[in-house]
Amino acid sequence: MLRRLCLLLALFCFLSACQKNTGTSNQLKIAVIPKATTGAFWQTVYGGAVQAANDLGVQLIWVGTEREDQRSQQISIVDAQVAN
């Protein structure tokens, strides 16, 4: 569990460094892009991400595909979040 939390924190740090500041909001936005949004594991990851976002006072953006095998949609989601 600690390893997963560390990996999630590392992902938050990486994605926060990629976030563009448009000057319209001072609140940091962190996008979490899971491999899928369904399943017990990913729901647990979501719960941890929500808790971490609340603890840190950041806005959580949770976006992903419904199934893990939707690779082309996963790529599109990552591209869209990097562009934002």
N, C-alpha and C. Protein backbone atom coordinates (compact mmCIF):
# COMPACT_ATOMS: atom_id res chain seq x y z
N MET A 1 0.83 -1.20 0.00
CA MET A 1 0.00 0.00 0.00
C MET A 1 0.87 1.26 0.00
N LEU A 2 1.95 1.22 0.78
CA LEU A 2 2.85 2.38 0.82
C LEU A 2 3.50 2.61 -0.54
N ARG A 3 3.83 1.52 -1.21
CA ARG A 3 4.45 1.65 -2.54
C ARG A 3 3.47 2.31 -3.51
N ARG A 4 2.20 1.90 -3.47
CA ARG A 4 1.19 2.51 -4.35
C ARG A 4 1.01 3.99 -4.04
N LEU A 5 1.02 4.33 -2.76
CA LEU A 5 0.87 5.73 -2.37
C LEU A 5 2.05 6.55 -2.88
N CYS A 6 3.25 5.99 -2.77
CA CYS A 6 4.44 6.69 -3.28
C CYS A 6 4.38 6.88 -4.79
N LEU A 7 3.92 5.83 -5.49
CA LEU A 7 3.79 5.94 -6.94
C LEU A 7 2.76 6.99 -7.32
N LEU A 8 1.66 7.02 -6.60
CA LEU A 8 0.62 8.01 -6.85
C LEU A 8 1.14 9.43 -6.59
N LEU A 9 1.88 9.59 -5.52
CA LEU A 9 2.47 10.90 -5.21
C LEU A 9 3.46 11.32 -6.29
N ALA A 10 4.26 10.37 -6.77
CA ALA A 10 5.21 10.69 -7.85
C ALA A 10 4.47 11.10 -9.11
N LEU A 11 3.35 10.43 -9.40
CA LEU A 11 2.54 10.79 -10.55
C LEU A 11 1.98 12.20 -10.39
N PHE A 12 1.49 12.52 -9.20
CA PHE A 12 0.98 13.87 -8.92
C PHE A 12 2.07 14.92 -9.17
N CYS A 13 3.26 14.64 -8.67
CA CYS A 13 4.36 15.61 -8.85
C CYS A 13 4.69 15.80 -10.32
N PHE A 14 4.75 14.70 -11.05
CA PHE A 14 5.06 14.78 -12.48
C PHE A 14 4.00 15.57 -13.23
N LEU A 15 2.74 15.23 -12.98
CA LEU A 15 1.67 15.92 -13.70
C LEU A 15 1.53 17.37 -13.29
N SER A 16 1.83 17.69 -12.04
CA SER A 16 1.74 19.09 -11.63
C SER A 16 2.83 19.92 -12.30
N ALA A 17 3.96 19.32 -12.59
CA ALA A 17 5.02 20.03 -13.30
C ALA A 17 4.64 20.30 -14.75
N CYS A 18 3.75 19.48 -15.29
CA CYS A 18 3.31 19.63 -16.68
C CYS A 18 2.14 20.59 -16.83
N GLN A 19 1.55 21.01 -15.74
CA GLN A 19 0.36 21.86 -15.79
C GLN A 19 0.71 23.27 -16.25
N LYS A 20 -0.01 23.75 -17.26
CA LYS A 20 0.17 25.13 -17.72
C LYS A 20 -0.59 26.08 -16.80
N ASN A 21 -0.03 27.22 -16.53
CA ASN A 21 -0.71 28.23 -15.72
C ASN A 21 -1.27 29.28 -16.68
N THR A 22 -2.58 29.35 -16.77
CA THR A 22 -3.22 30.30 -17.68
C THR A 22 -3.49 31.64 -17.00
N GLY A 23 -3.24 31.72 -15.72
CA GLY A 23 -3.46 32.96 -15.01
C GLY A 23 -4.89 33.17 -14.57
N THR A 24 -5.80 32.25 -14.90
CA THR A 24 -7.19 32.43 -14.54
C THR A 24 -7.52 31.86 -13.16
N SER A 25 -6.69 30.98 -12.65
CA SER A 25 -6.96 30.37 -11.36
C SER A 25 -5.65 30.11 -10.64
N ASN A 26 -5.66 30.33 -9.33
CA ASN A 26 -4.46 30.07 -8.54
C ASN A 26 -4.41 28.65 -8.03
N GLN A 27 -5.52 27.92 -8.15
CA GLN A 27 -5.56 26.56 -7.64
C GLN A 27 -4.86 25.61 -8.62
N LEU A 28 -3.96 24.81 -8.09
CA LEU A 28 -3.24 23.84 -8.89
C LEU A 28 -4.17 22.72 -9.32
N LYS A 29 -4.08 22.32 -10.57
CA LYS A 29 -4.88 21.23 -11.10
C LYS A 29 -3.96 20.05 -11.37
N ILE A 30 -4.38 18.88 -10.93
CA ILE A 30 -3.60 17.67 -11.16
C ILE A 30 -4.48 16.66 -11.86
N ALA A 31 -4.05 16.23 -13.03
CA ALA A 31 -4.78 15.22 -13.78
C ALA A 31 -4.24 13.84 -13.44
N VAL A 32 -5.13 12.96 -13.08
CA VAL A 32 -4.78 11.57 -12.86
C VAL A 32 -5.46 10.77 -13.95
N ILE A 33 -4.65 10.03 -14.71
CA ILE A 33 -5.16 9.27 -15.84
C ILE A 33 -4.90 7.80 -15.55
N PRO A 34 -5.91 7.11 -15.02
CA PRO A 34 -5.73 5.68 -14.74
C PRO A 34 -5.82 4.87 -16.03
N LYS A 35 -5.33 3.66 -15.97
CA LYS A 35 -5.43 2.77 -17.13
C LYS A 35 -6.90 2.44 -17.43
N ALA A 36 -7.74 2.43 -16.41
CA ALA A 36 -9.18 2.22 -16.56
C ALA A 36 -9.87 2.88 -15.36
N THR A 37 -11.15 3.16 -15.50
CA THR A 37 -11.87 3.79 -14.40
C THR A 37 -12.77 2.81 -13.66
N THR A 38 -12.84 1.60 -14.15
CA THR A 38 -13.66 0.58 -13.49
C THR A 38 -12.77 -0.43 -12.79
N GLY A 39 -13.35 -1.21 -11.94
CA GLY A 39 -12.61 -2.23 -11.21
C GLY A 39 -12.24 -1.74 -9.82
N ALA A 40 -12.13 -2.69 -8.92
CA ALA A 40 -11.86 -2.37 -7.51
C ALA A 40 -10.54 -1.65 -7.33
N PHE A 41 -9.51 -2.07 -8.04
CA PHE A 41 -8.20 -1.44 -7.89
C PHE A 41 -8.25 0.04 -8.26
N TRP A 42 -8.83 0.33 -9.43
CA TRP A 42 -8.86 1.72 -9.89
C TRP A 42 -9.77 2.58 -9.04
N GLN A 43 -10.81 2.01 -8.48
CA GLN A 43 -11.67 2.76 -7.57
C GLN A 43 -10.92 3.09 -6.28
N THR A 44 -10.05 2.17 -5.84
CA THR A 44 -9.21 2.45 -4.67
C THR A 44 -8.21 3.56 -4.98
N VAL A 45 -7.63 3.52 -6.17
CA VAL A 45 -6.71 4.58 -6.59
C VAL A 45 -7.45 5.92 -6.62
N TYR A 46 -8.67 5.91 -7.14
CA TYR A 46 -9.47 7.13 -7.18
C TYR A 46 -9.71 7.68 -5.78
N GLY A 47 -10.08 6.81 -4.86
CA GLY A 47 -10.30 7.25 -3.48
C GLY A 47 -9.06 7.88 -2.87
N GLY A 48 -7.89 7.29 -3.12
CA GLY A 48 -6.64 7.86 -2.63
C GLY A 48 -6.31 9.18 -3.28
N ALA A 49 -6.59 9.28 -4.57
CA ALA A 49 -6.34 10.53 -5.29
C ALA A 49 -7.22 11.66 -4.77
N VAL A 50 -8.48 11.35 -4.52
CA VAL A 50 -9.41 12.36 -3.98
C VAL A 50 -8.94 12.81 -2.60
N GLN A 51 -8.57 11.85 -1.77
CA GLN A 51 -8.10 12.20 -0.43
C GLN A 51 -6.83 13.05 -0.48
N ALA A 52 -5.90 12.67 -1.34
CA ALA A 52 -4.66 13.44 -1.47
C ALA A 52 -4.94 14.84 -2.00
N ALA A 53 -5.83 14.96 -2.98
CA ALA A 53 -6.16 16.27 -3.53
C ALA A 53 -6.80 17.16 -2.47
N ASN A 54 -7.68 16.58 -1.66
CA ASN A 54 -8.29 17.36 -0.57
C ASN A 54 -7.25 17.77 0.46
N ASP A 55 -6.36 16.86 0.81
CA ASP A 55 -5.32 17.17 1.79
C ASP A 55 -4.38 18.26 1.30
N LEU A 56 -4.09 18.26 0.00
CA LEU A 56 -3.15 19.22 -0.57
C LEU A 56 -3.81 20.50 -1.07
N GLY A 57 -5.13 20.51 -1.12
CA GLY A 57 -5.84 21.70 -1.59
C GLY A 57 -5.69 21.94 -3.08
N VAL A 58 -5.67 20.87 -3.86
CA VAL A 58 -5.54 20.99 -5.31
C VAL A 58 -6.81 20.45 -5.96
N GLN A 59 -7.00 20.82 -7.21
CA GLN A 59 -8.15 20.31 -7.97
C GLN A 59 -7.74 19.03 -8.68
N LEU A 60 -8.53 17.99 -8.49
CA LEU A 60 -8.26 16.69 -9.11
C LEU A 60 -9.04 16.57 -10.41
N ILE A 61 -8.35 16.19 -11.45
CA ILE A 61 -8.99 15.88 -12.72
C ILE A 61 -8.78 14.38 -12.93
N TRP A 62 -9.85 13.60 -12.87
CA TRP A 62 -9.80 12.15 -13.00
C TRP A 62 -10.43 11.79 -14.33
N VAL A 63 -9.64 11.32 -15.27
CA VAL A 63 -10.17 10.98 -16.58
C VAL A 63 -9.44 9.76 -17.10
N GLY A 64 -10.21 8.81 -17.59
CA GLY A 64 -9.62 7.59 -18.11
C GLY A 64 -10.64 6.82 -18.92
N THR A 65 -10.20 5.71 -19.46
CA THR A 65 -11.09 4.86 -20.24
C THR A 65 -11.85 3.91 -19.32
N GLU A 66 -12.90 3.34 -19.84
CA GLU A 66 -13.69 2.41 -19.03
C GLU A 66 -12.96 1.08 -18.86
N ARG A 67 -12.27 0.64 -19.92
CA ARG A 67 -11.56 -0.64 -19.87
C ARG A 67 -10.07 -0.44 -20.12
N GLU A 68 -9.27 -1.36 -19.60
CA GLU A 68 -7.82 -1.26 -19.73
C GLU A 68 -7.31 -1.50 -21.14
N ASP A 69 -8.09 -2.13 -22.00
CA ASP A 69 -7.62 -2.46 -23.35
C ASP A 69 -7.94 -1.38 -24.39
N GLN A 70 -8.41 -0.22 -23.98
CA GLN A 70 -8.76 0.86 -24.91
C GLN A 70 -7.56 1.79 -25.11
N ARG A 71 -6.52 1.26 -25.73
CA ARG A 71 -5.25 1.96 -25.84
C ARG A 71 -5.33 3.26 -26.63
N SER A 72 -6.01 3.26 -27.75
CA SER A 72 -6.06 4.47 -28.57
C SER A 72 -6.78 5.59 -27.83
N GLN A 73 -7.83 5.26 -27.08
CA GLN A 73 -8.52 6.27 -26.29
C GLN A 73 -7.63 6.77 -25.15
N GLN A 74 -6.83 5.87 -24.56
CA GLN A 74 -5.92 6.27 -23.49
C GLN A 74 -4.90 7.28 -24.02
N ILE A 75 -4.39 7.03 -25.20
CA ILE A 75 -3.43 7.96 -25.81
C ILE A 75 -4.08 9.31 -26.06
N SER A 76 -5.31 9.30 -26.55
CA SER A 76 -6.02 10.56 -26.80
C SER A 76 -6.24 11.34 -25.50
N ILE A 77 -6.56 10.63 -24.43
CA ILE A 77 -6.77 11.30 -23.13
C ILE A 77 -5.49 11.95 -22.64
N VAL A 78 -4.37 11.22 -22.74
CA VAL A 78 -3.08 11.79 -22.31
C VAL A 78 -2.74 13.01 -23.16
N ASP A 79 -2.90 12.91 -24.47
CA ASP A 79 -2.61 14.04 -25.36
C ASP A 79 -3.46 15.26 -24.99
N ALA A 80 -4.73 15.03 -24.71
CA ALA A 80 -5.63 16.14 -24.37
C ALA A 80 -5.23 16.79 -23.06
N GLN A 81 -4.84 16.00 -22.07
CA GLN A 81 -4.46 16.56 -20.78
C GLN A 81 -3.13 17.30 -20.86
N VAL A 82 -2.21 16.81 -21.66
CA VAL A 82 -0.93 17.51 -21.84
C VAL A 82 -1.16 18.84 -22.54
N ALA A 83 -2.09 18.86 -23.50
CA ALA A 83 -2.39 20.10 -24.23
C ALA A 83 -3.07 21.13 -23.34
N ASN A 84 -3.76 20.68 -22.30
CA ASN A 84 -4.44 21.62 -21.41
C ASN A 84 -3.46 22.08 -20.39
